[in-house]
Amino acid sequence: MEIRVLESAKVDLVEGYRFYEKQNPGLGDYFLDSIQVDVKSLRIYAGIHATADGFFRMLANRFPFGIYYLVAKNRIDIYAVLDCRRDPSWIAGRLKSSRKS
């Protein structure tokens, strides 16, 4: 199954990288590596996660992030990778704008 990380999610990943890299050099790379492992697991587990705002939401294993995705026939599209500590109304608005893109 193909996994596509959409542009909106790529922007989220860059922001997450920058945030963690400011905390401690090298932590940004660890963040990206950890999220990549989580994303790859979707080949097995896609579609089993709870839904939030019209998307499946997989919680990342090592960081407080949610990976928001949709499943098509032979494809998984990742729309957002968001910090779960954000205001829920902000997350809902961000996901709504992701769907339009």
PDB file of N, CA and C in Angstrom:
ATOM      1  N   MET A   1       0.835  -1.171   0.000  1.00  0.00           N
ATOM      2  CA  MET A   1       0.000   0.000   0.000  1.00  0.00           C
ATOM      3  C   MET A   1       0.884   1.240   0.000  1.00  0.00           C
ATOM      4  N   GLU A   2       0.552   2.174  -0.855  1.00  0.00           N
ATOM      5  CA  GLU A   2       1.309   3.418  -0.974  1.00  0.00           C
ATOM      6  C   GLU A   2       0.931   4.365   0.161  1.00  0.00           C
ATOM      7  N   ILE A   3       1.927   5.025   0.724  1.00  0.00           N
ATOM      8  CA  ILE A   3       1.694   6.055   1.735  1.00  0.00           C
ATOM      9  C   ILE A   3       2.177   7.383   1.166  1.00  0.00           C
ATOM     10  N   ARG A   4       1.259   8.355   1.146  1.00  0.00           N
ATOM     11  CA  ARG A   4       1.608   9.690   0.672  1.00  0.00           C
ATOM     12  C   ARG A   4       1.538  10.675   1.829  1.00  0.00           C
ATOM     13  N   VAL A   5       2.609  11.401   2.032  1.00  0.00           N
ATOM     14  CA  VAL A   5       2.625  12.474   3.019  1.00  0.00           C
ATOM     15  C   VAL A   5       2.355  13.753   2.239  1.00  0.00           C
ATOM     16  N   LEU A   6       1.177  14.311   2.453  1.00  0.00           N
ATOM     17  CA  LEU A   6       0.782  15.496   1.704  1.00  0.00           C
ATOM     18  C   LEU A   6       1.554  16.719   2.175  1.00  0.00           C
ATOM     19  N   GLU A   7       1.555  17.739   1.349  1.00  0.00           N
ATOM     20  CA  GLU A   7       2.340  18.946   1.616  1.00  0.00           C
ATOM     21  C   GLU A   7       2.014  19.552   2.979  1.00  0.00           C
ATOM     22  N   SER A   8       0.741  19.556   3.351  1.00  0.00           N
ATOM     23  CA  SER A   8       0.351  20.119   4.647  1.00  0.00           C
ATOM     24  C   SER A   8       1.026  19.374   5.798  1.00  0.00           C
ATOM     25  N   ALA A   9       1.140  18.062   5.685  1.00  0.00           N
ATOM     26  CA  ALA A   9       1.800  17.264   6.722  1.00  0.00           C
ATOM     27  C   ALA A   9       3.313  17.481   6.701  1.00  0.00           C
ATOM     28  N   LYS A  10       3.870  17.692   5.532  1.00  0.00           N
ATOM     29  CA  LYS A  10       5.309  17.974   5.448  1.00  0.00           C
ATOM     30  C   LYS A  10       5.649  19.264   6.178  1.00  0.00           C
ATOM     31  N   VAL A  11       4.775  20.261   6.043  1.00  0.00           N
ATOM     32  CA  VAL A  11       4.976  21.529   6.766  1.00  0.00           C
ATOM     33  C   VAL A  11       4.933  21.277   8.271  1.00  0.00           C
ATOM     34  N   ASP A  12       3.989  20.453   8.718  1.00  0.00           N
ATOM     35  CA  ASP A  12       3.900  20.104  10.142  1.00  0.00           C
ATOM     36  C   ASP A  12       5.183  19.441  10.626  1.00  0.00           C
ATOM     37  N   LEU A  13       5.731  18.553   9.823  1.00  0.00           N
ATOM     38  CA  LEU A  13       6.954  17.845  10.201  1.00  0.00           C
ATOM     39  C   LEU A  13       8.137  18.800  10.333  1.00  0.00           C
ATOM     40  N   VAL A  14       8.226  19.762   9.427  1.00  0.00           N
ATOM     41  CA  VAL A  14       9.300  20.756   9.500  1.00  0.00           C
ATOM     42  C   VAL A  14       9.151  21.575  10.775  1.00  0.00           C
ATOM     43  N   GLU A  15       7.925  21.978  11.103  1.00  0.00           N
ATOM     44  CA  GLU A  15       7.699  22.748  12.330  1.00  0.00           C
ATOM     45  C   GLU A  15       8.058  21.928  13.566  1.00  0.00           C
ATOM     46  N   GLY A  16       7.665  20.659  13.588  1.00  0.00           N
ATOM     47  CA  GLY A  16       8.005  19.798  14.709  1.00  0.00           C
ATOM     48  C   GLY A  16       9.507  19.620  14.843  1.00  0.00           C
ATOM     49  N   TYR A  17      10.163  19.418  13.709  1.00  0.00           N
ATOM     50  CA  TYR A  17      11.623  19.285  13.701  1.00  0.00           C
ATOM     51  C   TYR A  17      12.274  20.520  14.309  1.00  0.00           C
ATOM     52  N   ARG A  18      11.859  21.690  13.857  1.00  0.00           N
ATOM     53  CA  ARG A  18      12.461  22.935  14.351  1.00  0.00           C
ATOM     54  C   ARG A  18      12.235  23.108  15.848  1.00  0.00           C
ATOM     55  N   PHE A  19      11.028  22.792  16.302  1.00  0.00           N
ATOM     56  CA  PHE A  19      10.713  22.921  17.722  1.00  0.00           C
ATOM     57  C   PHE A  19      11.645  22.048  18.559  1.00  0.00           C
ATOM     58  N   TYR A  20      11.757  20.782  18.195  1.00  0.00           N
ATOM     59  CA  TYR A  20      12.574  19.865  18.995  1.00  0.00           C
ATOM     60  C   TYR A  20      14.063  20.131  18.827  1.00  0.00           C
ATOM     61  N   GLU A  21      14.463  20.586  17.680  1.00  0.00           N
ATOM     62  CA  GLU A  21      15.879  20.891  17.466  1.00  0.00           C
ATOM     63  C   GLU A  21      16.308  22.066  18.341  1.00  0.00           C
ATOM     64  N   LYS A  22      15.390  23.021  18.568  1.00  0.00           N
ATOM     65  CA  LYS A  22      15.698  24.146  19.469  1.00  0.00           C
ATOM     66  C   LYS A  22      15.852  23.670  20.908  1.00  0.00           C
ATOM     67  N   GLN A  23      15.113  22.624  21.275  1.00  0.00           N
ATOM     68  CA  GLN A  23      15.175  22.104  22.638  1.00  0.00           C
ATOM     69  C   GLN A  23      16.533  21.467  22.919  1.00  0.00           C
ATOM     70  N   ASN A  24      16.994  20.706  21.928  1.00  0.00           N
ATOM     71  CA  ASN A  24      18.257  19.981  22.093  1.00  0.00           C
ATOM     72  C   ASN A  24      18.731  19.548  20.701  1.00  0.00           C
ATOM     73  N   PRO A  25      19.920  19.981  20.277  1.00  0.00           N
ATOM     74  CA  PRO A  25      20.406  19.573  18.959  1.00  0.00           C
ATOM     75  C   PRO A  25      20.395  18.050  18.799  1.00  0.00           C
ATOM     76  N   GLY A  26      19.843  17.599  17.688  1.00  0.00           N
ATOM     77  CA  GLY A  26      19.729  16.173  17.415  1.00  0.00           C
ATOM     78  C   GLY A  26      18.351  15.624  17.741  1.00  0.00           C
ATOM     79  N   LEU A  27      17.619  16.309  18.615  1.00  0.00           N
ATOM     80  CA  LEU A  27      16.282  15.842  18.981  1.00  0.00           C
ATOM     81  C   LEU A  27      15.310  15.972  17.806  1.00  0.00           C
ATOM     82  N   GLY A  28      15.538  16.960  16.955  1.00  0.00           N
ATOM     83  CA  GLY A  28      14.702  17.114  15.764  1.00  0.00           C
ATOM     84  C   GLY A  28      14.828  15.912  14.834  1.00  0.00           C
ATOM     85  N   ASP A  29      16.046  15.427  14.664  1.00  0.00           N
ATOM     86  CA  ASP A  29      16.257  14.233  13.833  1.00  0.00           C
ATOM     87  C   ASP A  29      15.584  13.011  14.449  1.00  0.00           C
ATOM     88  N   TYR A  30      15.676  12.899  15.764  1.00  0.00           N
ATOM     89  CA  TYR A  30      15.036  11.778  16.456  1.00  0.00           C
ATOM     90  C   TYR A  30      13.510  11.859  16.282  1.00  0.00           C
ATOM     91  N   PHE A  31      12.974  13.066  16.359  1.00  0.00           N
ATOM     92  CA  PHE A  31      11.539  13.278  16.129  1.00  0.00           C
ATOM     93  C   PHE A  31      11.144  12.762  14.750  1.00  0.00           C
ATOM     94  N   LEU A  32      11.857  13.192  13.712  1.00  0.00           N
ATOM     95  CA  LEU A  32      11.523  12.766  12.345  1.00  0.00           C
ATOM     96  C   LEU A  32      11.668  11.261  12.178  1.00  0.00           C
ATOM     97  N   ASP A  33      12.722  10.687  12.721  1.00  0.00           N
ATOM     98  CA  ASP A  33      12.921   9.233  12.624  1.00  0.00           C
ATOM     99  C   ASP A  33      11.777   8.483  13.307  1.00  0.00           C
ATOM    100  N   SER A  34      11.370   8.960  14.478  1.00  0.00           N
ATOM    101  CA  SER A  34      10.295   8.302  15.222  1.00  0.00           C
ATOM    102  C   SER A  34       8.966   8.383  14.474  1.00  0.00           C
ATOM    103  N   ILE A  35       8.668   9.550  13.940  1.00  0.00           N
ATOM    104  CA  ILE A  35       7.419   9.720  13.182  1.00  0.00           C
ATOM    105  C   ILE A  35       7.453   8.842  11.934  1.00  0.00           C
ATOM    106  N   GLN A  36       8.605   8.736  11.291  1.00  0.00           N
ATOM    107  CA  GLN A  36       8.720   7.900  10.098  1.00  0.00           C
ATOM    108  C   GLN A  36       8.399   6.439  10.415  1.00  0.00           C
ATOM    109  N   VAL A  37       8.872   5.946  11.539  1.00  0.00           N
ATOM    110  CA  VAL A  37       8.567   4.570  11.953  1.00  0.00           C
ATOM    111  C   VAL A  37       7.058   4.418  12.168  1.00  0.00           C
ATOM    112  N   ASP A  38       6.447   5.404  12.826  1.00  0.00           N
ATOM    113  CA  ASP A  38       5.003   5.358  13.045  1.00  0.00           C
ATOM    114  C   ASP A  38       4.248   5.345  11.718  1.00  0.00           C
ATOM    115  N   VAL A  39       4.663   6.187  10.791  1.00  0.00           N
ATOM    116  CA  VAL A  39       4.003   6.264   9.485  1.00  0.00           C
ATOM    117  C   VAL A  39       4.123   4.921   8.750  1.00  0.00           C
ATOM    118  N   LYS A  40       5.294   4.330   8.787  1.00  0.00           N
ATOM    119  CA  LYS A  40       5.474   3.038   8.109  1.00  0.00           C
ATOM    120  C   LYS A  40       4.570   1.961   8.691  1.00  0.00           C
ATOM    121  N   SER A  41       4.261   2.047   9.976  1.00  0.00           N
ATOM    122  CA  SER A  41       3.391   1.045  10.597  1.00  0.00           C
ATOM    123  C   SER A  41       1.962   1.112  10.056  1.00  0.00           C
ATOM    124  N   LEU A  42       1.629   2.208   9.400  1.00  0.00           N
ATOM    125  CA  LEU A  42       0.288   2.324   8.813  1.00  0.00           C
ATOM    126  C   LEU A  42       0.058   1.285   7.713  1.00  0.00           C
ATOM    127  N   ARG A  43       1.109   0.777   7.109  1.00  0.00           N
ATOM    128  CA  ARG A  43       0.947  -0.288   6.111  1.00  0.00           C
ATOM    129  C   ARG A  43       0.219  -1.496   6.724  1.00  0.00           C
ATOM    130  N   ILE A  44       0.396  -1.687   8.005  1.00  0.00           N
ATOM    131  CA  ILE A  44      -0.234  -2.803   8.707  1.00  0.00           C
ATOM    132  C   ILE A  44      -1.515  -2.361   9.421  1.00  0.00           C
ATOM    133  N   TYR A  45      -1.464  -1.203  10.065  1.00  0.00           N
ATOM    134  CA  TYR A  45      -2.533  -0.805  10.983  1.00  0.00           C
ATOM    135  C   TYR A  45      -3.495   0.262  10.458  1.00  0.00           C
ATOM    136  N   ALA A  46      -3.375   0.669   9.223  1.00  0.00           N
ATOM    137  CA  ALA A  46      -4.246   1.730   8.689  1.00  0.00           C
ATOM    138  C   ALA A  46      -5.714   1.364   8.832  1.00  0.00           C
ATOM    139  N   GLY A  47      -6.467   2.316   9.320  1.00  0.00           N
ATOM    140  CA  GLY A  47      -7.908   2.148   9.425  1.00  0.00           C
ATOM    141  C   GLY A  47      -8.402   1.640  10.767  1.00  0.00           C
ATOM    142  N   ILE A  48      -7.497   1.261  11.667  1.00  0.00           N
ATOM    143  CA  ILE A  48      -7.950   0.737  12.964  1.00  0.00           C
ATOM    144  C   ILE A  48      -8.028   1.821  14.033  1.00  0.00           C
ATOM    145  N   HIS A  49      -7.522   2.988  13.747  1.00  0.00           N
ATOM    146  CA  HIS A  49      -7.444   4.053  14.741  1.00  0.00           C
ATOM    147  C   HIS A  49      -8.782   4.780  14.881  1.00  0.00           C
ATOM    148  N   ALA A  50      -8.961   5.405  16.017  1.00  0.00           N
ATOM    149  CA  ALA A  50     -10.152   6.213  16.252  1.00  0.00           C
ATOM    150  C   ALA A  50     -10.172   7.379  15.268  1.00  0.00           C
ATOM    151  N   THR A  51     -11.355   7.885  15.016  1.00  0.00           N
ATOM    152  CA  THR A  51     -11.470   9.028  14.112  1.00  0.00           C
ATOM    153  C   THR A  51     -11.602  10.312  14.918  1.00  0.00           C
ATOM    154  N   ALA A  52     -11.118  11.374  14.318  1.00  0.00           N
ATOM    155  CA  ALA A  52     -11.201  12.708  14.908  1.00  0.00           C
ATOM    156  C   ALA A  52     -11.363  13.701  13.770  1.00  0.00           C
ATOM    157  N   ASP A  53     -12.421  14.462  13.817  1.00  0.00           N
ATOM    158  CA  ASP A  53     -12.658  15.499  12.801  1.00  0.00           C
ATOM    159  C   ASP A  53     -12.629  14.941  11.385  1.00  0.00           C
ATOM    160  N   GLY A  54     -13.139  13.737  11.201  1.00  0.00           N
ATOM    161  CA  GLY A  54     -13.238  13.150   9.869  1.00  0.00           C
ATOM    162  C   GLY A  54     -12.001  12.423   9.381  1.00  0.00           C
ATOM    163  N   PHE A  55     -10.987  12.322  10.206  1.00  0.00           N
ATOM    164  CA  PHE A  55      -9.743  11.637   9.854  1.00  0.00           C
ATOM    165  C   PHE A  55      -9.496  10.510  10.850  1.00  0.00           C
ATOM    166  N   PHE A  56      -8.767   9.500  10.414  1.00  0.00           N
ATOM    167  CA  PHE A  56      -8.209   8.553  11.373  1.00  0.00           C
ATOM    168  C   PHE A  56      -7.071   9.274  12.078  1.00  0.00           C
ATOM    169  N   ARG A  57      -6.917   9.019  13.381  1.00  0.00           N
ATOM    170  CA  ARG A  57      -5.820   9.641  14.131  1.00  0.00           C
ATOM    171  C   ARG A  57      -5.017   8.566  14.844  1.00  0.00           C
ATOM    172  N   MET A  58      -3.785   8.429  14.416  1.00  0.00           N
ATOM    173  CA  MET A  58      -2.860   7.531  15.086  1.00  0.00           C
ATOM    174  C   MET A  58      -1.980   8.376  15.997  1.00  0.00           C
ATOM    175  N   LEU A  59      -1.870   7.987  17.247  1.00  0.00           N
ATOM    176  CA  LEU A  59      -0.993   8.699  18.166  1.00  0.00           C
ATOM    177  C   LEU A  59       0.431   8.183  17.997  1.00  0.00           C
ATOM    178  N   ALA A  60       1.367   9.113  17.875  1.00  0.00           N
ATOM    179  CA  ALA A  60       2.772   8.744  17.729  1.00  0.00           C
ATOM    180  C   ALA A  60       3.244   8.065  19.017  1.00  0.00           C
ATOM    181  N   ASN A  61       4.204   7.169  18.879  1.00  0.00           N
ATOM    182  CA  ASN A  61       4.694   6.411  20.030  1.00  0.00           C
ATOM    183  C   ASN A  61       5.588   7.213  20.965  1.00  0.00           C
ATOM    184  N   ARG A  62       6.451   8.044  20.435  1.00  0.00           N
ATOM    185  CA  ARG A  62       7.470   8.682  21.269  1.00  0.00           C
ATOM    186  C   ARG A  62       7.255  10.170  21.523  1.00  0.00           C
ATOM    187  N   PHE A  63       6.387  10.806  20.777  1.00  0.00           N
ATOM    188  CA  PHE A  63       6.156  12.236  20.904  1.00  0.00           C
ATOM    189  C   PHE A  63       4.651  12.481  20.989  1.00  0.00           C
ATOM    190  N   PRO A  64       4.237  13.598  21.607  1.00  0.00           N
ATOM    191  CA  PRO A  64       2.797  13.854  21.772  1.00  0.00           C
ATOM    192  C   PRO A  64       2.153  14.406  20.499  1.00  0.00           C
ATOM    193  N   PHE A  65       2.231  13.634  19.444  1.00  0.00           N
ATOM    194  CA  PHE A  65       1.709  14.060  18.150  1.00  0.00           C
ATOM    195  C   PHE A  65       0.680  13.063  17.643  1.00  0.00           C
ATOM    196  N   GLY A  66      -0.289  13.591  16.908  1.00  0.00           N
ATOM    197  CA  GLY A  66      -1.262  12.761  16.221  1.00  0.00           C
ATOM    198  C   GLY A  66      -0.993  12.804  14.733  1.00  0.00           C
ATOM    199  N   ILE A  67      -1.108  11.667  14.095  1.00  0.00           N
ATOM    200  CA  ILE A  67      -0.924  11.562  12.653  1.00  0.00           C
ATOM    201  C   ILE A  67      -2.315  11.349  12.070  1.00  0.00           C
ATOM    202  N   TYR A  68      -2.781  12.326  11.303  1.00  0.00           N
ATOM    203  CA  TYR A  68      -4.141  12.329  10.765  1.00  0.00           C
ATOM    204  C   TYR A  68      -4.101  11.882   9.308  1.00  0.00           C
ATOM    205  N   TYR A  69      -4.879  10.852   9.000  1.00  0.00           N
ATOM    206  CA  TYR A  69      -4.810  10.262   7.676  1.00  0.00           C
ATOM    207  C   TYR A  69      -6.170   9.747   7.221  1.00  0.00           C
ATOM    208  N   LEU A  70      -6.267   9.500   5.912  1.00  0.00           N
ATOM    209  CA  LEU A  70      -7.424   8.863   5.298  1.00  0.00           C
ATOM    210  C   LEU A  70      -6.932   7.687   4.466  1.00  0.00           C
ATOM    211  N   VAL A  71      -7.781   6.690   4.325  1.00  0.00           N
ATOM    212  CA  VAL A  71      -7.432   5.497   3.564  1.00  0.00           C
ATOM    213  C   VAL A  71      -8.293   5.451   2.311  1.00  0.00           C
ATOM    214  N   ALA A  72      -7.631   5.306   1.173  1.00  0.00           N
ATOM    215  CA  ALA A  72      -8.314   5.092  -0.103  1.00  0.00           C
ATOM    216  C   ALA A  72      -8.102   3.619  -0.475  1.00  0.00           C
ATOM    217  N   LYS A  73      -8.430   3.235  -1.688  1.00  0.00           N
ATOM    218  CA  LYS A  73      -8.299   1.827  -2.086  1.00  0.00           C
ATOM    219  C   LYS A  73      -6.927   1.255  -1.779  1.00  0.00           C
ATOM    220  N   ASN A  74      -5.911   1.758  -2.423  1.00  0.00           N
ATOM    221  CA  ASN A  74      -4.548   1.242  -2.267  1.00  0.00           C
ATOM    222  C   ASN A  74      -3.584   2.316  -1.789  1.00  0.00           C
ATOM    223  N   ARG A  75      -4.130   3.283  -1.025  1.00  0.00           N
ATOM    224  CA  ARG A  75      -3.298   4.417  -0.664  1.00  0.00           C
ATOM    225  C   ARG A  75      -3.709   4.953   0.702  1.00  0.00           C
ATOM    226  N   ILE A  76      -2.723   5.441   1.424  1.00  0.00           N
ATOM    227  CA  ILE A  76      -2.936   6.141   2.685  1.00  0.00           C
ATOM    228  C   ILE A  76      -2.415   7.557   2.478  1.00  0.00           C
ATOM    229  N   ASP A  77      -3.270   8.527   2.710  1.00  0.00           N
ATOM    230  CA  ASP A  77      -2.875   9.930   2.589  1.00  0.00           C
ATOM    231  C   ASP A  77      -2.783  10.543   3.976  1.00  0.00           C
ATOM    232  N   ILE A  78      -1.618  11.060   4.310  1.00  0.00           N
ATOM    233  CA  ILE A  78      -1.406  11.719   5.600  1.00  0.00           C
ATOM    234  C   ILE A  78      -1.585  13.217   5.375  1.00  0.00           C
ATOM    235  N   TYR A  79      -2.571  13.764   6.062  1.00  0.00           N
ATOM    236  CA  TYR A  79      -2.932  15.169   5.902  1.00  0.00           C
ATOM    237  C   TYR A  79      -2.264  16.080   6.921  1.00  0.00           C
ATOM    238  N   ALA A  80      -2.000  15.562   8.110  1.00  0.00           N
ATOM    239  CA  ALA A  80      -1.450  16.412   9.164  1.00  0.00           C
ATOM    240  C   ALA A  80      -0.702  15.563  10.184  1.00  0.00           C
ATOM    241  N   VAL A  81       0.295  16.181  10.803  1.00  0.00           N
ATOM    242  CA  VAL A  81       1.031  15.598  11.926  1.00  0.00           C
ATOM    243  C   VAL A  81       1.095  16.718  12.967  1.00  0.00           C
ATOM    244  N   LEU A  82       0.193  16.639  13.959  1.00  0.00           N
ATOM    245  CA  LEU A  82      -0.019  17.783  14.843  1.00  0.00           C
ATOM    246  C   LEU A  82       0.272  17.449  16.302  1.00  0.00           C
ATOM    247  N   ASP A  83       0.768  18.443  16.992  1.00  0.00           N
ATOM    248  CA  ASP A  83       1.043  18.344  18.418  1.00  0.00           C
ATOM    249  C   ASP A  83      -0.288  18.259  19.167  1.00  0.00           C
ATOM    250  N   CYS A  84      -0.498  17.203  19.907  1.00  0.00           N
ATOM    251  CA  CYS A  84      -1.763  16.987  20.628  1.00  0.00           C
ATOM    252  C   CYS A  84      -1.936  17.949  21.797  1.00  0.00           C
ATOM    253  N   ARG A  85      -0.901  18.689  22.132  1.00  0.00           N
ATOM    254  CA  ARG A  85      -1.000  19.665  23.221  1.00  0.00           C
ATOM    255  C   ARG A  85      -1.624  20.976  22.766  1.00  0.00           C
ATOM    256  N   ARG A  86      -1.870  21.097  21.467  1.00  0.00           N
ATOM    257  CA  ARG A  86      -2.491  22.315  20.938  1.00  0.00           C
ATOM    258  C   ARG A  86      -3.955  22.363  21.331  1.00  0.00           C
ATOM    259  N   ASP A  87      -4.526  23.546  21.252  1.00  0.00           N
ATOM    260  CA  ASP A  87      -5.944  23.752  21.531  1.00  0.00           C
ATOM    261  C   ASP A  87      -6.771  22.897  20.560  1.00  0.00           C
ATOM    262  N   PRO A  88      -7.696  22.094  21.077  1.00  0.00           N
ATOM    263  CA  PRO A  88      -8.499  21.226  20.196  1.00  0.00           C
ATOM    264  C   PRO A  88      -9.247  21.981  19.097  1.00  0.00           C
ATOM    265  N   SER A  89      -9.685  23.203  19.389  1.00  0.00           N
ATOM    266  CA  SER A  89     -10.383  23.965  18.338  1.00  0.00           C
ATOM    267  C   SER A  89      -9.401  24.384  17.237  1.00  0.00           C
ATOM    268  N   TRP A  90      -8.146  24.652  17.598  1.00  0.00           N
ATOM    269  CA  TRP A  90      -7.140  24.968  16.586  1.00  0.00           C
ATOM    270  C   TRP A  90      -6.888  23.734  15.709  1.00  0.00           C
ATOM    271  N   ILE A  91      -6.773  22.574  16.346  1.00  0.00           N
ATOM    272  CA  ILE A  91      -6.552  21.334  15.590  1.00  0.00           C
ATOM    273  C   ILE A  91      -7.701  21.086  14.630  1.00  0.00           C
ATOM    274  N   ALA A  92      -8.940  21.259  15.106  1.00  0.00           N
ATOM    275  CA  ALA A  92     -10.111  21.046  14.240  1.00  0.00           C
ATOM    276  C   ALA A  92     -10.088  21.990  13.046  1.00  0.00           C
ATOM    277  N   GLY A  93      -9.737  23.243  13.278  1.00  0.00           N
ATOM    278  CA  GLY A  93      -9.647  24.207  12.169  1.00  0.00           C
ATOM    279  C   GLY A  93      -8.542  23.860  11.197  1.00  0.00           C
ATOM    280  N   ARG A  94      -7.430  23.430  11.724  1.00  0.00           N
ATOM    281  CA  ARG A  94      -6.295  23.043  10.870  1.00  0.00           C
ATOM    282  C   ARG A  94      -6.654  21.842  10.007  1.00  0.00           C
ATOM    283  N   LEU A  95      -7.346  20.867  10.588  1.00  0.00           N
ATOM    284  CA  LEU A  95      -7.744  19.687   9.823  1.00  0.00           C
ATOM    285  C   LEU A  95      -8.781  20.048   8.759  1.00  0.00           C
ATOM    286  N   LYS A  96      -9.656  20.955   9.093  1.00  0.00           N
ATOM    287  CA  LYS A  96     -10.661  21.387   8.108  1.00  0.00           C
ATOM    288  C   LYS A  96      -9.980  22.033   6.902  1.00  0.00           C
ATOM    289  N   SER A  97      -8.970  22.849   7.167  1.00  0.00           N
ATOM    290  CA  SER A  97      -8.245  23.490   6.058  1.00  0.00           C
ATOM    291  C   SER A  97      -7.414  22.483   5.278  1.00  0.00           C
ATOM    292  N   SER A  98      -6.934  21.421   5.933  1.00  0.00           N
ATOM    293  CA  SER A  98      -6.156  20.380   5.245  1.00  0.00           C
ATOM    294  C   SER A  98      -7.005  19.636   4.228  1.00  0.00           C
ATOM    295  N   ARG A  99      -8.231  19.392   4.580  1.00  0.00           N
ATOM    296  CA  ARG A  99      -9.122  18.646   3.696  1.00  0.00           C
ATOM    297  C   ARG A  99      -9.411  19.415   2.417  1.00  0.00           C
ATOM    298  N   LYS A 100      -9.409  20.734   2.500  1.00  0.00           N
ATOM    299  CA  LYS A 100      -9.688  21.578   1.333  1.00  0.00           C
ATOM    300  C   LYS A 100      -8.515  21.609   0.370  1.00  0.00           C
ATOM    301  N   SER A 101      -7.321  21.387   0.884  1.00  0.00           N
ATOM    302  CA  SER A 101      -6.092  21.491   0.053  1.00  0.00           C
ATOM    303  C   SER A 101      -6.021  20.391  -0.959  1.00  0.00           C
TER     304      SER A 101
END
